[in-house]
């Protein structure tokens, strides 16, 4: 299964590779632009003061085949005046069972200038966590 688009995360509707290259250590660097469609509930649109649901995310990944490690960092580039999401994922082999992949995920979510920002930040964190749990079924 591909990372995007895939049926387990239908919010990603497009992926454009902007740049891909190997560094001097043989690691593959990719810069991509993701198009996402979130279909926000009406109440959230009202709180944010926008009907816009198509957003863009920049993503940079590094694949190190020798270390069997992939690091992926992403951040939104639209609606940044309202919300910022910076996410980092690291995939590595399990230290005791190399046939199993360990995912370490962290995200910083900041909702700006709107009431109920803690509620919206929590809602987004739940969505990110739910998507991470889906990975175990791939």
N, C-alpha and C. Protein backbone atom coordinates (compact mmCIF):
# COMPACT_ATOMS: atom_id res chain seq x y z
N UNK A 1 0.84 -1.18 0.00
CA UNK A 1 0.00 0.00 0.00
C UNK A 1 0.89 1.25 0.00
N UNK A 2 0.47 2.26 -0.72
CA UNK A 2 1.18 3.53 -0.77
C UNK A 2 0.83 4.38 0.44
N UNK A 3 1.77 5.26 0.83
CA UNK A 3 1.49 6.16 1.96
C UNK A 3 0.32 7.08 1.61
N UNK A 4 0.38 7.72 0.45
CA UNK A 4 -0.69 8.61 -0.01
C UNK A 4 -0.82 8.44 -1.51
N UNK A 5 -1.97 8.66 -2.07
CA UNK A 5 -3.27 8.55 -1.41
C UNK A 5 -3.55 7.09 -1.07
N UNK A 6 -4.33 6.88 -0.03
CA UNK A 6 -4.72 5.53 0.34
C UNK A 6 -6.08 5.57 1.04
N UNK A 7 -6.81 4.48 1.03
CA UNK A 7 -8.17 4.48 1.59
C UNK A 7 -8.23 4.67 3.10
N UNK A 8 -7.09 4.47 3.80
CA UNK A 8 -7.11 4.65 5.25
C UNK A 8 -6.97 6.12 5.66
N UNK A 9 -6.53 6.97 4.74
CA UNK A 9 -6.42 8.41 5.00
C UNK A 9 -6.90 9.16 3.77
N UNK A 10 -8.21 9.21 3.57
CA UNK A 10 -8.76 9.81 2.35
C UNK A 10 -8.63 11.33 2.29
N UNK A 11 -8.18 11.97 3.37
CA UNK A 11 -8.06 13.43 3.35
C UNK A 11 -6.94 13.90 2.42
N UNK A 12 -5.94 13.06 2.15
CA UNK A 12 -4.87 13.43 1.22
C UNK A 12 -5.37 13.12 -0.19
N UNK A 13 -5.57 14.18 -0.97
CA UNK A 13 -6.15 14.02 -2.31
C UNK A 13 -5.13 14.16 -3.43
N UNK A 14 -3.90 14.60 -3.10
CA UNK A 14 -2.89 14.72 -4.13
C UNK A 14 -1.50 14.84 -3.53
N UNK A 15 -0.51 14.36 -4.29
CA UNK A 15 0.89 14.43 -3.88
C UNK A 15 1.72 14.84 -5.09
N UNK A 16 2.51 15.89 -4.92
CA UNK A 16 3.43 16.33 -5.97
C UNK A 16 4.85 16.26 -5.43
N UNK A 17 5.73 15.57 -6.14
CA UNK A 17 7.14 15.52 -5.76
C UNK A 17 7.81 16.77 -6.32
N UNK A 18 8.35 17.60 -5.42
CA UNK A 18 9.00 18.83 -5.84
C UNK A 18 10.49 18.63 -6.10
N UNK A 19 11.10 17.74 -5.32
CA UNK A 19 12.53 17.48 -5.47
C UNK A 19 12.84 16.14 -4.85
N UNK A 20 13.78 15.42 -5.44
CA UNK A 20 14.23 14.14 -4.89
C UNK A 20 15.70 13.99 -5.27
N UNK A 21 16.55 13.70 -4.25
CA UNK A 21 17.97 13.55 -4.53
C UNK A 21 18.64 12.70 -3.48
N UNK A 22 19.83 12.21 -3.83
CA UNK A 22 20.67 11.45 -2.90
C UNK A 22 21.75 12.38 -2.36
N UNK A 23 21.97 12.33 -1.04
CA UNK A 23 23.06 13.12 -0.47
C UNK A 23 24.37 12.33 -0.54
N UNK A 24 25.44 12.91 -0.03
CA UNK A 24 26.75 12.27 -0.13
C UNK A 24 26.86 10.99 0.69
N UNK A 25 25.91 10.76 1.60
CA UNK A 25 25.88 9.53 2.41
C UNK A 25 24.94 8.48 1.83
N UNK A 26 24.37 8.75 0.67
CA UNK A 26 23.49 7.79 0.02
C UNK A 26 22.06 7.81 0.53
N UNK A 27 21.71 8.82 1.32
CA UNK A 27 20.34 8.92 1.83
C UNK A 27 19.46 9.63 0.80
N UNK A 28 18.24 9.14 0.66
CA UNK A 28 17.29 9.72 -0.28
C UNK A 28 16.49 10.82 0.41
N UNK A 29 16.57 12.03 -0.14
CA UNK A 29 15.79 13.17 0.36
C UNK A 29 14.67 13.45 -0.64
N UNK A 30 13.45 13.60 -0.12
CA UNK A 30 12.30 13.94 -0.97
C UNK A 30 11.57 15.13 -0.37
N UNK A 31 11.22 16.07 -1.23
CA UNK A 31 10.38 17.21 -0.84
C UNK A 31 9.10 17.09 -1.64
N UNK A 32 7.98 17.05 -0.91
CA UNK A 32 6.69 16.87 -1.58
C UNK A 32 5.69 17.92 -1.10
N UNK A 33 4.71 18.15 -1.94
CA UNK A 33 3.58 19.02 -1.62
C UNK A 33 2.35 18.13 -1.57
N UNK A 34 1.68 18.10 -0.41
CA UNK A 34 0.46 17.31 -0.26
C UNK A 34 -0.74 18.23 -0.35
N UNK A 35 -1.75 17.81 -1.08
CA UNK A 35 -3.04 18.51 -1.12
C UNK A 35 -3.99 17.71 -0.24
N UNK A 36 -4.61 18.40 0.72
CA UNK A 36 -5.49 17.70 1.65
C UNK A 36 -6.87 18.35 1.67
N UNK A 37 -7.87 17.53 1.83
CA UNK A 37 -9.26 17.99 1.91
C UNK A 37 -9.82 17.44 3.21
N UNK A 38 -10.10 18.33 4.17
CA UNK A 38 -10.47 17.88 5.51
C UNK A 38 -11.96 17.78 5.75
N UNK A 39 -12.78 18.48 4.99
CA UNK A 39 -14.22 18.39 5.21
C UNK A 39 -14.60 18.73 6.64
N UNK A 40 -14.18 19.90 7.09
CA UNK A 40 -14.41 20.29 8.48
C UNK A 40 -15.89 20.45 8.79
N UNK A 41 -16.30 20.12 10.02
CA UNK A 41 -17.68 20.34 10.42
C UNK A 41 -18.02 21.84 10.37
N UNK A 42 -19.27 22.14 10.15
CA UNK A 42 -19.72 23.54 10.02
C UNK A 42 -19.34 24.37 11.24
N UNK A 43 -19.44 23.79 12.42
CA UNK A 43 -19.11 24.54 13.65
C UNK A 43 -17.64 24.94 13.66
N UNK A 44 -16.77 24.05 13.19
CA UNK A 44 -15.33 24.36 13.16
C UNK A 44 -15.06 25.44 12.12
N UNK A 45 -15.72 25.36 10.96
CA UNK A 45 -15.57 26.40 9.93
C UNK A 45 -16.02 27.76 10.49
N UNK A 46 -17.11 27.76 11.25
CA UNK A 46 -17.61 29.00 11.82
C UNK A 46 -16.61 29.57 12.83
N UNK A 47 -16.03 28.70 13.66
CA UNK A 47 -15.06 29.16 14.66
C UNK A 47 -13.82 29.72 13.97
N UNK A 48 -13.36 29.03 12.92
CA UNK A 48 -12.17 29.48 12.20
C UNK A 48 -12.45 30.66 11.29
N UNK A 49 -13.72 30.87 10.94
CA UNK A 49 -14.08 31.98 10.07
C UNK A 49 -13.70 31.75 8.62
N UNK A 50 -13.74 30.49 8.18
CA UNK A 50 -13.39 30.18 6.79
C UNK A 50 -14.19 28.98 6.31
N UNK A 51 -14.49 28.96 5.03
CA UNK A 51 -15.12 27.78 4.41
C UNK A 51 -14.09 26.92 3.70
N UNK A 52 -12.85 27.38 3.71
CA UNK A 52 -11.78 26.68 2.98
C UNK A 52 -11.46 25.35 3.67
N UNK A 53 -11.50 24.27 2.93
CA UNK A 53 -11.14 22.97 3.48
C UNK A 53 -10.00 22.31 2.70
N UNK A 54 -9.65 22.85 1.52
CA UNK A 54 -8.50 22.34 0.77
C UNK A 54 -7.26 23.05 1.31
N UNK A 55 -6.32 22.28 1.82
CA UNK A 55 -5.10 22.84 2.38
C UNK A 55 -3.89 22.14 1.79
N UNK A 56 -2.74 22.78 1.97
CA UNK A 56 -1.50 22.25 1.44
C UNK A 56 -0.49 22.06 2.57
N UNK A 57 0.29 21.00 2.45
CA UNK A 57 1.28 20.63 3.44
C UNK A 57 2.60 20.38 2.72
N UNK A 58 3.69 20.94 3.27
CA UNK A 58 5.01 20.59 2.72
C UNK A 58 5.59 19.48 3.57
N UNK A 59 6.23 18.55 2.89
CA UNK A 59 6.75 17.36 3.55
C UNK A 59 8.18 17.11 3.08
N UNK A 60 9.07 16.81 4.01
CA UNK A 60 10.45 16.45 3.69
C UNK A 60 10.73 15.10 4.33
N UNK A 61 11.22 14.17 3.54
CA UNK A 61 11.55 12.86 4.10
C UNK A 61 13.00 12.51 3.77
N UNK A 62 13.58 11.74 4.68
CA UNK A 62 14.94 11.23 4.50
C UNK A 62 14.88 9.72 4.72
N UNK A 63 15.30 8.98 3.71
CA UNK A 63 15.34 7.52 3.81
C UNK A 63 16.81 7.10 3.83
N UNK A 64 17.18 6.43 4.92
CA UNK A 64 18.54 5.94 5.09
C UNK A 64 18.49 4.41 5.03
N UNK A 65 18.80 3.86 3.85
CA UNK A 65 18.70 2.41 3.65
C UNK A 65 19.70 1.65 4.51
N UNK A 66 20.90 2.21 4.72
CA UNK A 66 21.90 1.53 5.53
C UNK A 66 21.44 1.39 6.98
N UNK A 67 20.83 2.44 7.52
CA UNK A 67 20.34 2.43 8.91
C UNK A 67 18.93 1.84 9.02
N UNK A 68 18.31 1.60 7.86
CA UNK A 68 16.91 1.14 7.81
C UNK A 68 16.01 2.10 8.60
N UNK A 69 16.14 3.37 8.27
CA UNK A 69 15.43 4.43 8.99
C UNK A 69 14.82 5.40 7.99
N UNK A 70 13.62 5.86 8.30
CA UNK A 70 12.98 6.91 7.51
C UNK A 70 12.47 7.97 8.47
N UNK A 71 12.81 9.21 8.17
CA UNK A 71 12.33 10.35 8.96
C UNK A 71 11.51 11.24 8.04
N UNK A 72 10.35 11.67 8.52
CA UNK A 72 9.44 12.46 7.72
C UNK A 72 8.99 13.65 8.56
N UNK A 73 9.16 14.86 8.04
CA UNK A 73 8.70 16.07 8.73
C UNK A 73 7.74 16.80 7.81
N UNK A 74 6.64 17.26 8.39
CA UNK A 74 5.66 17.98 7.58
C UNK A 74 5.11 19.18 8.36
N UNK A 75 4.68 20.18 7.60
CA UNK A 75 4.06 21.37 8.19
C UNK A 75 3.07 21.95 7.19
N UNK A 76 1.98 22.48 7.70
CA UNK A 76 0.99 23.09 6.81
C UNK A 76 1.52 24.42 6.27
N UNK A 77 1.11 24.75 5.04
CA UNK A 77 1.50 26.03 4.44
C UNK A 77 0.29 26.87 4.07
N UNK A 78 -0.92 26.37 4.36
CA UNK A 78 -2.12 27.19 4.21
C UNK A 78 -2.79 27.29 5.57
N UNK A 79 -3.57 28.33 5.73
CA UNK A 79 -4.28 28.62 6.98
C UNK A 79 -3.32 28.81 8.15
N UNK A 80 -2.07 29.20 7.86
CA UNK A 80 -1.08 29.34 8.93
C UNK A 80 -1.41 30.49 9.87
N UNK A 81 -2.25 31.42 9.43
CA UNK A 81 -2.68 32.48 10.34
C UNK A 81 -3.68 31.96 11.37
N UNK A 82 -4.25 30.77 11.13
CA UNK A 82 -5.23 30.19 12.04
C UNK A 82 -4.69 29.00 12.81
N UNK A 83 -3.91 28.16 12.12
CA UNK A 83 -3.44 26.93 12.77
C UNK A 83 -2.09 26.53 12.15
N UNK A 84 -1.22 26.01 13.00
CA UNK A 84 0.02 25.42 12.48
C UNK A 84 0.16 24.02 13.05
N UNK A 85 0.55 23.11 12.17
CA UNK A 85 0.77 21.72 12.57
C UNK A 85 2.15 21.33 12.05
N UNK A 86 3.03 21.01 12.98
CA UNK A 86 4.37 20.51 12.64
C UNK A 86 4.44 19.09 13.16
N UNK A 87 4.68 18.16 12.25
CA UNK A 87 4.66 16.75 12.59
C UNK A 87 5.97 16.09 12.19
N UNK A 88 6.44 15.18 13.02
CA UNK A 88 7.67 14.42 12.74
C UNK A 88 7.39 12.94 12.99
N UNK A 89 7.71 12.12 12.00
CA UNK A 89 7.56 10.67 12.10
C UNK A 89 8.92 10.04 11.86
N UNK A 90 9.26 9.03 12.65
CA UNK A 90 10.50 8.30 12.45
C UNK A 90 10.16 6.81 12.46
N UNK A 91 10.53 6.13 11.39
CA UNK A 91 10.32 4.69 11.26
C UNK A 91 11.68 4.00 11.39
N UNK A 92 11.78 3.05 12.32
CA UNK A 92 13.01 2.29 12.53
C UNK A 92 12.66 0.84 12.80
N UNK A 93 13.61 -0.06 12.60
CA UNK A 93 13.35 -1.47 12.94
C UNK A 93 13.27 -1.62 14.47
N UNK A 94 12.43 -2.52 14.92
CA UNK A 94 12.35 -2.83 16.35
C UNK A 94 13.70 -3.41 16.77
N UNK A 95 14.26 -2.94 17.91
CA UNK A 95 15.61 -3.39 18.30
C UNK A 95 15.70 -4.90 18.59
N UNK A 96 14.60 -5.50 19.01
CA UNK A 96 14.63 -6.93 19.35
C UNK A 96 13.99 -7.81 18.28
N UNK A 97 13.22 -7.19 17.38
CA UNK A 97 12.56 -7.94 16.32
C UNK A 97 12.66 -7.14 15.02
N UNK A 98 13.75 -7.29 14.28
CA UNK A 98 13.99 -6.48 13.09
C UNK A 98 12.91 -6.59 12.01
N UNK A 99 12.05 -7.60 12.10
CA UNK A 99 10.96 -7.73 11.14
C UNK A 99 9.79 -6.82 11.44
N UNK A 100 9.85 -6.10 12.56
CA UNK A 100 8.77 -5.20 12.98
C UNK A 100 9.28 -3.76 12.91
N UNK A 101 8.45 -2.87 12.42
CA UNK A 101 8.81 -1.46 12.31
C UNK A 101 8.23 -0.69 13.49
N UNK A 102 9.05 0.18 14.08
CA UNK A 102 8.63 1.05 15.17
C UNK A 102 8.39 2.44 14.60
N UNK A 103 7.22 3.02 14.90
CA UNK A 103 6.89 4.38 14.50
C UNK A 103 6.93 5.26 15.73
N UNK A 104 7.75 6.32 15.67
CA UNK A 104 7.76 7.35 16.71
C UNK A 104 7.18 8.60 16.08
N UNK A 105 6.16 9.16 16.71
CA UNK A 105 5.46 10.30 16.13
C UNK A 105 5.36 11.42 17.15
N UNK A 106 5.61 12.63 16.68
CA UNK A 106 5.37 13.80 17.51
C UNK A 106 4.76 14.89 16.64
N UNK A 107 3.89 15.68 17.26
CA UNK A 107 3.23 16.76 16.54
C UNK A 107 3.05 17.95 17.47
N UNK A 108 3.28 19.12 16.93
CA UNK A 108 3.01 20.36 17.65
C UNK A 108 1.88 21.06 16.91
N UNK A 109 0.78 21.26 17.61
CA UNK A 109 -0.42 21.86 17.01
C UNK A 109 -0.70 23.16 17.74
N UNK A 110 -0.83 24.26 16.99
CA UNK A 110 -1.12 25.54 17.59
C UNK A 110 -2.27 26.18 16.83
N UNK A 111 -3.37 26.44 17.52
CA UNK A 111 -4.50 27.16 16.95
C UNK A 111 -4.39 28.60 17.42
N UNK A 112 -4.47 29.53 16.48
CA UNK A 112 -4.19 30.94 16.78
C UNK A 112 -5.43 31.81 16.67
N UNK A 113 -5.58 32.71 17.61
CA UNK A 113 -6.53 33.80 17.51
C UNK A 113 -8.00 33.43 17.44
N UNK A 114 -8.39 32.26 17.90
CA UNK A 114 -9.80 31.91 17.91
C UNK A 114 -10.17 31.38 19.29
N UNK A 115 -11.43 31.56 19.64
CA UNK A 115 -11.88 30.98 20.90
C UNK A 115 -11.92 29.47 20.76
N UNK A 116 -11.88 28.78 21.86
CA UNK A 116 -11.88 27.31 21.89
C UNK A 116 -10.64 26.71 21.25
N UNK A 117 -9.51 27.44 21.27
CA UNK A 117 -8.31 26.92 20.62
C UNK A 117 -7.85 25.61 21.25
N UNK A 118 -7.98 25.48 22.57
CA UNK A 118 -7.57 24.21 23.21
C UNK A 118 -8.42 23.06 22.71
N UNK A 119 -9.71 23.30 22.51
CA UNK A 119 -10.61 22.28 21.99
C UNK A 119 -10.19 21.86 20.59
N UNK A 120 -9.91 22.85 19.72
CA UNK A 120 -9.53 22.55 18.34
C UNK A 120 -8.17 21.85 18.28
N UNK A 121 -7.22 22.28 19.13
CA UNK A 121 -5.91 21.61 19.17
C UNK A 121 -6.09 20.15 19.59
N UNK A 122 -6.94 19.90 20.59
CA UNK A 122 -7.20 18.53 21.04
C UNK A 122 -7.86 17.70 19.96
N UNK A 123 -8.81 18.28 19.23
CA UNK A 123 -9.48 17.58 18.14
C UNK A 123 -8.48 17.17 17.05
N UNK A 124 -7.58 18.09 16.72
CA UNK A 124 -6.58 17.77 15.70
C UNK A 124 -5.60 16.71 16.21
N UNK A 125 -5.23 16.78 17.47
CA UNK A 125 -4.33 15.77 18.04
C UNK A 125 -4.97 14.39 18.01
N UNK A 126 -6.27 14.31 18.30
CA UNK A 126 -6.97 13.03 18.23
C UNK A 126 -6.97 12.47 16.82
N UNK A 127 -7.15 13.33 15.82
CA UNK A 127 -7.14 12.90 14.43
C UNK A 127 -5.77 12.35 14.04
N UNK A 128 -4.71 13.06 14.44
CA UNK A 128 -3.35 12.60 14.13
C UNK A 128 -3.08 11.26 14.80
N UNK A 129 -3.49 11.13 16.07
CA UNK A 129 -3.28 9.87 16.79
C UNK A 129 -4.06 8.72 16.14
N UNK A 130 -5.29 9.00 15.73
CA UNK A 130 -6.10 7.96 15.09
C UNK A 130 -5.45 7.50 13.79
N UNK A 131 -4.89 8.44 13.02
CA UNK A 131 -4.22 8.07 11.78
C UNK A 131 -2.96 7.26 12.05
N UNK A 132 -2.26 7.58 13.13
CA UNK A 132 -1.05 6.81 13.48
C UNK A 132 -1.41 5.38 13.85
N UNK A 133 -2.53 5.20 14.56
CA UNK A 133 -2.94 3.84 14.94
C UNK A 133 -3.28 2.99 13.72
N UNK A 134 -3.73 3.61 12.65
CA UNK A 134 -4.07 2.87 11.43
C UNK A 134 -2.84 2.19 10.84
N UNK A 135 -1.65 2.78 11.08
CA UNK A 135 -0.42 2.26 10.50
C UNK A 135 -0.17 0.81 10.93
N UNK A 136 -0.57 0.46 12.16
CA UNK A 136 -0.29 -0.90 12.64
C UNK A 136 -1.01 -1.95 11.83
N UNK A 137 -1.97 -1.57 11.02
CA UNK A 137 -2.74 -2.54 10.23
C UNK A 137 -2.25 -2.65 8.80
N UNK A 138 -1.18 -1.91 8.45
CA UNK A 138 -0.69 -1.95 7.06
C UNK A 138 0.16 -3.17 6.83
